[in-house]
N, C-alpha and C. Protein backbone atom coordinates (compact mmCIF):
# COMPACT_ATOMS: atom_id res chain seq x y z
N MET A 1 0.82 -1.20 0.00
CA MET A 1 0.00 0.00 0.00
C MET A 1 0.87 1.26 0.00
N ARG A 2 1.92 1.22 0.83
CA ARG A 2 2.81 2.37 0.92
C ARG A 2 3.53 2.61 -0.41
N GLY A 3 4.00 1.55 -1.08
CA GLY A 3 4.68 1.67 -2.37
C GLY A 3 3.76 2.23 -3.44
N THR A 4 2.49 1.88 -3.39
CA THR A 4 1.52 2.38 -4.36
C THR A 4 1.33 3.88 -4.21
N ARG A 5 1.24 4.36 -2.94
CA ARG A 5 1.09 5.81 -2.72
C ARG A 5 2.29 6.57 -3.24
N GLY A 6 3.48 6.05 -2.98
CA GLY A 6 4.70 6.70 -3.46
C GLY A 6 4.74 6.76 -4.98
N GLY A 7 4.32 5.67 -5.63
CA GLY A 7 4.29 5.64 -7.09
C GLY A 7 3.28 6.62 -7.66
N VAL A 8 2.11 6.70 -7.03
CA VAL A 8 1.07 7.62 -7.48
C VAL A 8 1.55 9.07 -7.28
N LEU A 9 2.19 9.33 -6.14
CA LEU A 9 2.71 10.67 -5.87
C LEU A 9 3.77 11.05 -6.88
N LEU A 10 4.69 10.15 -7.18
CA LEU A 10 5.74 10.43 -8.17
C LEU A 10 5.13 10.67 -9.55
N ALA A 11 4.16 9.84 -9.93
CA ALA A 11 3.50 10.01 -11.23
C ALA A 11 2.79 11.36 -11.29
N GLY A 12 2.18 11.78 -10.20
CA GLY A 12 1.51 13.07 -10.16
C GLY A 12 2.48 14.23 -10.30
N ILE A 13 3.63 14.13 -9.65
CA ILE A 13 4.64 15.18 -9.74
C ILE A 13 5.18 15.29 -11.16
N VAL A 14 5.46 14.14 -11.78
CA VAL A 14 5.96 14.14 -13.16
C VAL A 14 4.91 14.74 -14.10
N ALA A 15 3.65 14.36 -13.93
CA ALA A 15 2.59 14.88 -14.78
C ALA A 15 2.45 16.40 -14.62
N LEU A 16 2.56 16.89 -13.38
CA LEU A 16 2.48 18.32 -13.13
C LEU A 16 3.65 19.05 -13.79
N ALA A 17 4.84 18.51 -13.67
CA ALA A 17 6.02 19.14 -14.27
C ALA A 17 5.90 19.20 -15.79
N VAL A 18 5.43 18.13 -16.41
CA VAL A 18 5.27 18.10 -17.87
C VAL A 18 4.21 19.11 -18.29
N THR A 19 3.11 19.19 -17.54
CA THR A 19 2.05 20.14 -17.86
C THR A 19 2.56 21.58 -17.76
N LEU A 20 3.29 21.89 -16.69
CA LEU A 20 3.80 23.24 -16.52
C LEU A 20 4.83 23.59 -17.59
N SER A 21 5.66 22.64 -17.98
CA SER A 21 6.65 22.94 -19.02
C SER A 21 5.99 23.19 -20.36
N ALA A 22 4.83 22.61 -20.60
CA ALA A 22 4.11 22.85 -21.84
C ALA A 22 3.56 24.28 -21.89
N CYS A 23 3.38 24.90 -20.72
CA CYS A 23 2.86 26.26 -20.66
C CYS A 23 3.94 27.32 -20.88
N ALA A 24 5.19 26.94 -20.74
CA ALA A 24 6.29 27.90 -20.88
C ALA A 24 6.44 28.30 -22.34
N PRO A 25 6.81 29.56 -22.59
CA PRO A 25 6.97 30.01 -23.98
C PRO A 25 8.18 29.36 -24.63
N ASP A 26 8.05 29.08 -25.92
CA ASP A 26 9.19 28.55 -26.67
C ASP A 26 10.15 29.68 -26.98
N ARG A 27 11.40 29.33 -27.22
CA ARG A 27 12.40 30.32 -27.59
C ARG A 27 12.22 30.64 -29.07
N ASP A 28 12.63 31.81 -29.45
CA ASP A 28 12.44 32.30 -30.81
C ASP A 28 13.81 32.53 -31.45
N ASN A 29 13.96 32.13 -32.72
CA ASN A 29 15.23 32.28 -33.43
C ASN A 29 15.32 33.57 -34.23
N THR A 30 14.39 34.51 -34.04
CA THR A 30 14.40 35.76 -34.79
C THR A 30 15.62 36.59 -34.42
N VAL A 31 16.30 37.10 -35.43
CA VAL A 31 17.48 37.96 -35.25
C VAL A 31 17.19 39.26 -35.99
N PRO A 32 17.55 40.41 -35.40
CA PRO A 32 17.27 41.67 -36.09
C PRO A 32 18.09 41.81 -37.37
N VAL A 33 17.50 42.50 -38.31
CA VAL A 33 18.18 42.79 -39.57
C VAL A 33 19.16 43.92 -39.30
N PRO A 34 20.41 43.81 -39.78
CA PRO A 34 21.36 44.91 -39.57
C PRO A 34 20.79 46.22 -40.10
N MET A 35 21.03 47.28 -39.35
CA MET A 35 20.53 48.59 -39.75
C MET A 35 21.37 49.15 -40.89
N PRO A 36 20.70 49.77 -41.87
CA PRO A 36 21.46 50.36 -42.97
C PRO A 36 22.27 51.55 -42.48
N VAL A 37 23.38 51.77 -43.14
CA VAL A 37 24.24 52.91 -42.82
C VAL A 37 23.68 54.11 -43.55
N PRO A 38 23.38 55.20 -42.83
CA PRO A 38 22.82 56.37 -43.50
C PRO A 38 23.84 56.99 -44.46
N THR A 39 23.32 57.47 -45.58
CA THR A 39 24.16 58.16 -46.55
C THR A 39 23.64 59.58 -46.72
N SER A 40 24.47 60.41 -47.23
CA SER A 40 24.11 61.81 -47.39
C SER A 40 24.35 62.21 -48.84
N SER A 41 23.38 62.92 -49.43
CA SER A 41 23.56 63.36 -50.81
C SER A 41 23.98 64.81 -50.88
N GLY A 42 23.84 65.53 -49.81
CA GLY A 42 24.24 66.93 -49.80
C GLY A 42 25.18 67.20 -48.64
N SER A 43 25.50 68.44 -48.44
CA SER A 43 26.36 68.78 -47.30
C SER A 43 25.74 69.92 -46.52
N PRO A 44 24.62 69.60 -45.80
CA PRO A 44 24.00 70.66 -45.01
C PRO A 44 24.91 71.07 -43.85
N THR A 45 24.68 72.26 -43.37
CA THR A 45 25.45 72.76 -42.24
C THR A 45 25.08 71.96 -41.00
N PRO A 46 26.06 71.33 -40.36
CA PRO A 46 25.73 70.51 -39.19
C PRO A 46 25.27 71.37 -38.02
N ASN A 47 24.29 70.83 -37.32
CA ASN A 47 23.78 71.47 -36.11
C ASN A 47 23.96 70.46 -34.98
N PRO A 48 25.03 70.57 -34.19
CA PRO A 48 25.32 69.57 -33.17
C PRO A 48 24.18 69.36 -32.20
N ALA A 49 23.40 70.38 -31.91
CA ALA A 49 22.30 70.22 -30.97
C ALA A 49 21.17 69.40 -31.56
N ALA A 50 21.01 69.40 -32.90
CA ALA A 50 19.91 68.70 -33.54
C ALA A 50 20.25 67.26 -33.92
N GLU A 51 21.54 66.92 -33.96
CA GLU A 51 21.93 65.57 -34.37
C GLU A 51 21.93 64.62 -33.19
N PRO A 52 21.30 63.45 -33.36
CA PRO A 52 21.31 62.47 -32.26
C PRO A 52 22.70 61.84 -32.13
N ASP A 53 22.96 61.28 -30.97
CA ASP A 53 24.22 60.57 -30.78
C ASP A 53 24.28 59.38 -31.74
N PRO A 54 25.44 59.13 -32.32
CA PRO A 54 25.54 57.98 -33.23
C PRO A 54 25.47 56.67 -32.44
N ASP A 55 25.04 55.62 -33.14
CA ASP A 55 25.01 54.30 -32.52
C ASP A 55 26.44 53.88 -32.19
N PRO A 56 26.61 53.12 -31.10
CA PRO A 56 27.95 52.62 -30.79
C PRO A 56 28.43 51.69 -31.90
N THR A 57 29.74 51.57 -32.03
CA THR A 57 30.32 50.68 -33.03
C THR A 57 31.32 49.74 -32.36
N LEU A 58 31.56 48.62 -33.02
CA LEU A 58 32.54 47.65 -32.55
C LEU A 58 33.94 48.23 -32.72
N LEU A 59 34.76 48.09 -31.71
CA LEU A 59 36.13 48.55 -31.77
C LEU A 59 37.05 47.33 -31.76
N PRO A 60 37.34 46.75 -32.95
CA PRO A 60 38.20 45.56 -33.00
C PRO A 60 39.53 45.85 -32.31
N GLY A 61 39.94 44.92 -31.46
CA GLY A 61 41.18 45.10 -30.71
C GLY A 61 40.99 45.96 -29.47
N GLY A 62 39.79 46.51 -29.29
CA GLY A 62 39.51 47.32 -28.11
C GLY A 62 39.23 46.46 -26.90
N SER A 63 39.26 47.05 -25.74
CA SER A 63 39.01 46.34 -24.49
C SER A 63 37.52 46.00 -24.33
N ALA A 64 37.23 45.18 -23.33
CA ALA A 64 35.83 44.87 -23.02
C ALA A 64 35.09 46.14 -22.63
N LEU A 65 35.74 46.99 -21.85
CA LEU A 65 35.12 48.24 -21.44
C LEU A 65 34.82 49.13 -22.65
N ALA A 66 35.75 49.19 -23.59
CA ALA A 66 35.56 50.02 -24.78
C ALA A 66 34.44 49.48 -25.68
N ASN A 67 34.18 48.17 -25.63
CA ASN A 67 33.16 47.56 -26.49
C ASN A 67 31.85 47.26 -25.77
N ARG A 68 31.75 47.58 -24.50
CA ARG A 68 30.52 47.25 -23.75
C ARG A 68 29.30 47.98 -24.31
N ALA A 69 29.43 49.24 -24.65
CA ALA A 69 28.28 49.99 -25.19
C ALA A 69 27.76 49.33 -26.46
N TYR A 70 28.66 48.87 -27.32
CA TYR A 70 28.24 48.19 -28.55
C TYR A 70 27.61 46.84 -28.24
N PHE A 71 28.21 46.07 -27.33
CA PHE A 71 27.66 44.78 -26.89
C PHE A 71 26.23 44.98 -26.37
N ASP A 72 26.03 45.97 -25.51
CA ASP A 72 24.69 46.26 -24.99
C ASP A 72 23.74 46.69 -26.11
N PHE A 73 24.22 47.51 -27.01
CA PHE A 73 23.40 48.01 -28.12
C PHE A 73 22.86 46.85 -28.97
N VAL A 74 23.74 45.92 -29.39
CA VAL A 74 23.29 44.84 -30.28
C VAL A 74 22.39 43.86 -29.52
N ASN A 75 22.63 43.66 -28.23
CA ASN A 75 21.78 42.75 -27.47
C ASN A 75 20.41 43.35 -27.18
N LYS A 76 20.36 44.63 -26.88
CA LYS A 76 19.08 45.30 -26.67
C LYS A 76 18.28 45.37 -27.97
N ARG A 77 18.99 45.52 -29.10
CA ARG A 77 18.31 45.52 -30.40
C ARG A 77 17.67 44.16 -30.66
N LEU A 78 18.37 43.07 -30.31
CA LEU A 78 17.80 41.73 -30.45
C LEU A 78 16.56 41.60 -29.57
N LEU A 79 16.66 42.03 -28.33
CA LEU A 79 15.54 41.92 -27.40
C LEU A 79 14.34 42.75 -27.86
N ALA A 80 14.58 43.83 -28.57
CA ALA A 80 13.48 44.67 -29.07
C ALA A 80 12.64 43.94 -30.11
N VAL A 81 13.24 43.04 -30.88
CA VAL A 81 12.49 42.30 -31.90
C VAL A 81 12.17 40.87 -31.48
N ASN A 82 12.76 40.42 -30.38
CA ASN A 82 12.61 39.03 -29.96
C ASN A 82 12.70 38.97 -28.44
N LYS A 83 11.57 38.98 -27.76
CA LYS A 83 11.53 39.01 -26.30
C LYS A 83 12.00 37.71 -25.66
N ASN A 84 12.10 36.65 -26.43
CA ASN A 84 12.45 35.33 -25.89
C ASN A 84 13.43 34.62 -26.84
N PRO A 85 14.64 35.17 -27.03
CA PRO A 85 15.55 34.61 -28.03
C PRO A 85 16.10 33.24 -27.64
N SER A 86 16.32 32.42 -28.65
CA SER A 86 16.96 31.11 -28.44
C SER A 86 18.47 31.32 -28.30
N ASP A 87 19.16 30.28 -27.84
CA ASP A 87 20.61 30.38 -27.74
C ASP A 87 21.23 30.61 -29.13
N GLN A 88 20.66 29.99 -30.15
CA GLN A 88 21.17 30.17 -31.51
C GLN A 88 20.95 31.58 -32.01
N ALA A 89 19.80 32.19 -31.68
CA ALA A 89 19.54 33.58 -32.09
C ALA A 89 20.54 34.53 -31.44
N VAL A 90 20.89 34.26 -30.19
CA VAL A 90 21.87 35.09 -29.49
C VAL A 90 23.23 35.01 -30.19
N VAL A 91 23.67 33.79 -30.49
CA VAL A 91 24.96 33.57 -31.16
C VAL A 91 24.96 34.23 -32.53
N THR A 92 23.90 34.01 -33.31
CA THR A 92 23.81 34.59 -34.65
C THR A 92 23.85 36.11 -34.59
N ASN A 93 23.13 36.70 -33.64
CA ASN A 93 23.11 38.15 -33.48
C ASN A 93 24.51 38.69 -33.18
N LEU A 94 25.22 38.06 -32.26
CA LEU A 94 26.56 38.52 -31.90
C LEU A 94 27.54 38.35 -33.06
N GLU A 95 27.43 37.21 -33.74
CA GLU A 95 28.33 36.96 -34.87
C GLU A 95 28.07 37.96 -36.01
N LYS A 96 26.79 38.20 -36.34
CA LYS A 96 26.46 39.15 -37.40
C LYS A 96 26.83 40.58 -37.02
N SER A 97 26.98 40.82 -35.72
CA SER A 97 27.35 42.15 -35.24
C SER A 97 28.86 42.35 -35.21
N GLY A 98 29.62 41.30 -35.61
CA GLY A 98 31.06 41.46 -35.74
C GLY A 98 31.91 40.77 -34.70
N PHE A 99 31.29 40.14 -33.70
CA PHE A 99 32.06 39.42 -32.70
C PHE A 99 32.48 38.06 -33.27
N ALA A 100 33.71 37.65 -32.98
CA ALA A 100 34.24 36.39 -33.51
C ALA A 100 33.59 35.19 -32.84
N LYS A 101 33.16 34.24 -33.65
CA LYS A 101 32.49 33.04 -33.15
C LYS A 101 33.35 32.30 -32.13
N LYS A 102 34.66 32.29 -32.34
CA LYS A 102 35.57 31.56 -31.44
C LYS A 102 35.59 32.16 -30.03
N ASP A 103 35.14 33.41 -29.89
CA ASP A 103 35.14 34.09 -28.60
C ASP A 103 33.80 34.02 -27.88
N LEU A 104 32.81 33.36 -28.48
CA LEU A 104 31.45 33.33 -27.93
C LEU A 104 31.19 32.10 -27.06
N GLU A 105 30.37 32.29 -26.04
CA GLU A 105 29.83 31.20 -25.23
C GLU A 105 28.38 31.54 -24.94
N VAL A 106 27.53 30.51 -24.79
CA VAL A 106 26.12 30.72 -24.47
C VAL A 106 25.62 29.52 -23.68
N THR A 107 24.70 29.77 -22.75
CA THR A 107 24.09 28.67 -22.03
C THR A 107 22.91 28.13 -22.84
N PRO A 108 22.52 26.87 -22.62
CA PRO A 108 21.41 26.29 -23.39
C PRO A 108 20.09 27.02 -23.12
N ASP A 109 19.24 27.04 -24.14
CA ASP A 109 17.94 27.68 -23.99
C ASP A 109 16.85 26.71 -23.52
N LYS A 110 17.23 25.46 -23.28
CA LYS A 110 16.30 24.45 -22.77
C LYS A 110 16.90 23.80 -21.53
N THR A 111 16.04 23.42 -20.58
CA THR A 111 16.52 22.71 -19.40
C THR A 111 16.93 21.30 -19.79
N SER A 112 17.80 20.70 -19.02
CA SER A 112 18.29 19.36 -19.39
C SER A 112 17.32 18.25 -19.02
N VAL A 113 16.47 18.45 -18.03
CA VAL A 113 15.59 17.37 -17.58
C VAL A 113 14.37 17.22 -18.48
N PHE A 114 13.57 18.25 -18.61
CA PHE A 114 12.32 18.14 -19.37
C PHE A 114 12.37 18.86 -20.71
N ARG A 115 13.52 19.43 -21.07
CA ARG A 115 13.68 20.19 -22.31
C ARG A 115 12.73 21.38 -22.38
N ALA A 116 12.36 21.90 -21.23
CA ALA A 116 11.52 23.10 -21.15
C ALA A 116 12.41 24.33 -21.36
N PRO A 117 11.83 25.44 -21.80
CA PRO A 117 12.64 26.66 -21.97
C PRO A 117 13.30 27.07 -20.66
N SER A 118 14.56 27.47 -20.74
CA SER A 118 15.29 27.94 -19.56
C SER A 118 14.71 29.27 -19.10
N ALA A 119 14.84 29.54 -17.82
CA ALA A 119 14.35 30.81 -17.27
C ALA A 119 15.18 31.99 -17.77
N SER A 120 16.44 31.73 -18.12
CA SER A 120 17.30 32.80 -18.62
C SER A 120 18.38 32.20 -19.52
N ILE A 121 18.99 33.07 -20.30
CA ILE A 121 20.12 32.67 -21.14
C ILE A 121 21.26 33.62 -20.83
N GLU A 122 22.43 33.05 -20.53
CA GLU A 122 23.63 33.85 -20.33
C GLU A 122 24.52 33.64 -21.55
N PHE A 123 25.27 34.67 -21.91
CA PHE A 123 26.14 34.58 -23.08
C PHE A 123 27.32 35.52 -22.86
N SER A 124 28.39 35.25 -23.59
CA SER A 124 29.59 36.06 -23.38
C SER A 124 30.42 36.17 -24.64
N VAL A 125 31.26 37.20 -24.64
CA VAL A 125 32.28 37.39 -25.66
C VAL A 125 33.59 37.59 -24.90
N ARG A 126 34.57 36.75 -25.22
CA ARG A 126 35.88 36.89 -24.59
C ARG A 126 36.65 38.00 -25.31
N VAL A 127 37.20 38.92 -24.52
CA VAL A 127 37.99 40.02 -25.05
C VAL A 127 39.30 40.02 -24.26
N GLY A 128 40.32 39.35 -24.81
CA GLY A 128 41.59 39.23 -24.10
C GLY A 128 41.44 38.43 -22.83
N ASP A 129 41.76 39.04 -21.68
CA ASP A 129 41.63 38.34 -20.41
C ASP A 129 40.40 38.79 -19.63
N THR A 130 39.45 39.42 -20.34
CA THR A 130 38.18 39.81 -19.74
C THR A 130 37.02 39.33 -20.60
N CYS A 131 35.84 39.44 -20.05
CA CYS A 131 34.64 38.94 -20.73
C CYS A 131 33.52 39.96 -20.67
N LEU A 132 32.83 40.12 -21.80
CA LEU A 132 31.55 40.82 -21.83
C LEU A 132 30.51 39.74 -21.59
N ILE A 133 29.73 39.86 -20.54
CA ILE A 133 28.76 38.83 -20.18
C ILE A 133 27.37 39.46 -20.16
N GLY A 134 26.44 38.82 -20.88
CA GLY A 134 25.08 39.32 -20.93
C GLY A 134 24.09 38.27 -20.48
N GLN A 135 22.88 38.71 -20.13
CA GLN A 135 21.82 37.79 -19.72
C GLN A 135 20.48 38.33 -20.20
N PHE A 136 19.68 37.42 -20.78
CA PHE A 136 18.28 37.70 -21.09
C PHE A 136 17.45 36.90 -20.10
N LYS A 137 16.54 37.58 -19.39
CA LYS A 137 15.66 36.90 -18.44
C LYS A 137 14.34 37.65 -18.38
N SER A 138 13.26 36.96 -18.67
CA SER A 138 11.92 37.54 -18.59
C SER A 138 11.80 38.84 -19.38
N GLY A 139 12.36 38.88 -20.58
CA GLY A 139 12.25 40.06 -21.43
C GLY A 139 13.15 41.21 -21.01
N ALA A 140 14.03 40.98 -20.04
CA ALA A 140 14.96 42.02 -19.58
C ALA A 140 16.39 41.64 -19.95
N TYR A 141 17.27 42.62 -19.98
CA TYR A 141 18.66 42.42 -20.35
C TYR A 141 19.57 43.05 -19.30
N ARG A 142 20.67 42.36 -18.99
CA ARG A 142 21.70 42.87 -18.10
C ARG A 142 23.05 42.48 -18.65
N SER A 143 24.08 43.27 -18.31
CA SER A 143 25.43 42.91 -18.71
C SER A 143 26.43 43.31 -17.64
N VAL A 144 27.56 42.61 -17.64
CA VAL A 144 28.68 42.92 -16.76
C VAL A 144 29.97 42.63 -17.51
N ILE A 145 31.05 43.14 -16.98
CA ILE A 145 32.38 42.78 -17.45
C ILE A 145 33.00 41.93 -16.36
N GLY A 146 33.52 40.77 -16.74
CA GLY A 146 34.10 39.88 -15.74
C GLY A 146 35.41 39.28 -16.22
N PRO A 147 36.10 38.57 -15.32
CA PRO A 147 37.38 37.96 -15.68
C PRO A 147 37.19 36.62 -16.38
N VAL A 148 38.20 36.20 -17.08
CA VAL A 148 38.24 34.84 -17.63
C VAL A 148 38.55 33.92 -16.46
N VAL A 149 37.79 32.82 -16.35
CA VAL A 149 37.98 31.84 -15.28
C VAL A 149 38.30 30.49 -15.91
N ASP A 150 39.48 29.98 -15.64
CA ASP A 150 39.91 28.70 -16.21
C ASP A 150 39.75 28.67 -17.73
N GLY A 151 40.08 29.77 -18.39
CA GLY A 151 40.03 29.83 -19.84
C GLY A 151 38.65 30.08 -20.42
N ARG A 152 37.65 30.31 -19.57
CA ARG A 152 36.28 30.50 -20.05
C ARG A 152 35.65 31.74 -19.42
N CYS A 153 34.60 32.20 -20.06
CA CYS A 153 33.85 33.34 -19.51
C CYS A 153 32.66 32.87 -18.69
N LEU A 154 32.01 31.79 -19.12
CA LEU A 154 30.85 31.27 -18.41
C LEU A 154 31.24 30.01 -17.65
N VAL A 155 30.79 29.91 -16.42
CA VAL A 155 31.05 28.75 -15.60
C VAL A 155 29.83 27.85 -15.68
N GLY A 156 30.03 26.58 -15.90
CA GLY A 156 28.92 25.64 -15.99
C GLY A 156 28.72 25.15 -17.40
N LYS A 157 27.55 24.54 -17.62
CA LYS A 157 27.24 23.94 -18.92
C LYS A 157 26.91 25.02 -19.94
N THR A 158 27.55 24.93 -21.09
CA THR A 158 27.26 25.84 -22.19
C THR A 158 26.79 25.05 -23.41
N ALA A 159 26.09 25.73 -24.28
CA ALA A 159 25.60 25.10 -25.51
C ALA A 159 26.72 25.11 -26.56
N PRO A 160 26.72 24.10 -27.44
CA PRO A 160 27.73 24.13 -28.50
C PRO A 160 27.50 25.29 -29.45
N ILE A 161 28.58 25.89 -29.91
CA ILE A 161 28.52 26.97 -30.91
C ILE A 161 28.86 26.33 -32.25
N PRO A 162 27.86 26.24 -33.14
CA PRO A 162 28.12 25.56 -34.44
C PRO A 162 29.07 26.34 -35.34
């Protein structure tokens, strides 16, 4: 009798977990289209007060600190078109934005047990002996600059970068 209750309880827990994972949103592979570079056909007199600040740009060979504004810019642009990006969408976005694939790391977008969407995705770009580290969680974005640890930027299980 006792073994039957335990089995029924375990079956109920598994059924609840599967049901809840089915309710979680799937990850999306949408990546923003690169923005066109504006061109000018004339030479109007510049008005510094009227011109918006230019978008940040990648500084190849620059430090993590020098490239953080660009890292944040391209990641926020992805989040603007894709509130729930997949690990592959994150990698594709960073690669298309000029970061070298060999320097990228990302955590899986699915849990290992039930293959449900992860609550968050962490990703990084190695820049020398420092790392640009970003996180998408619940439609929000955060970033930090951190050290390389044992040759890696992210500690724990990461997804393969194709």
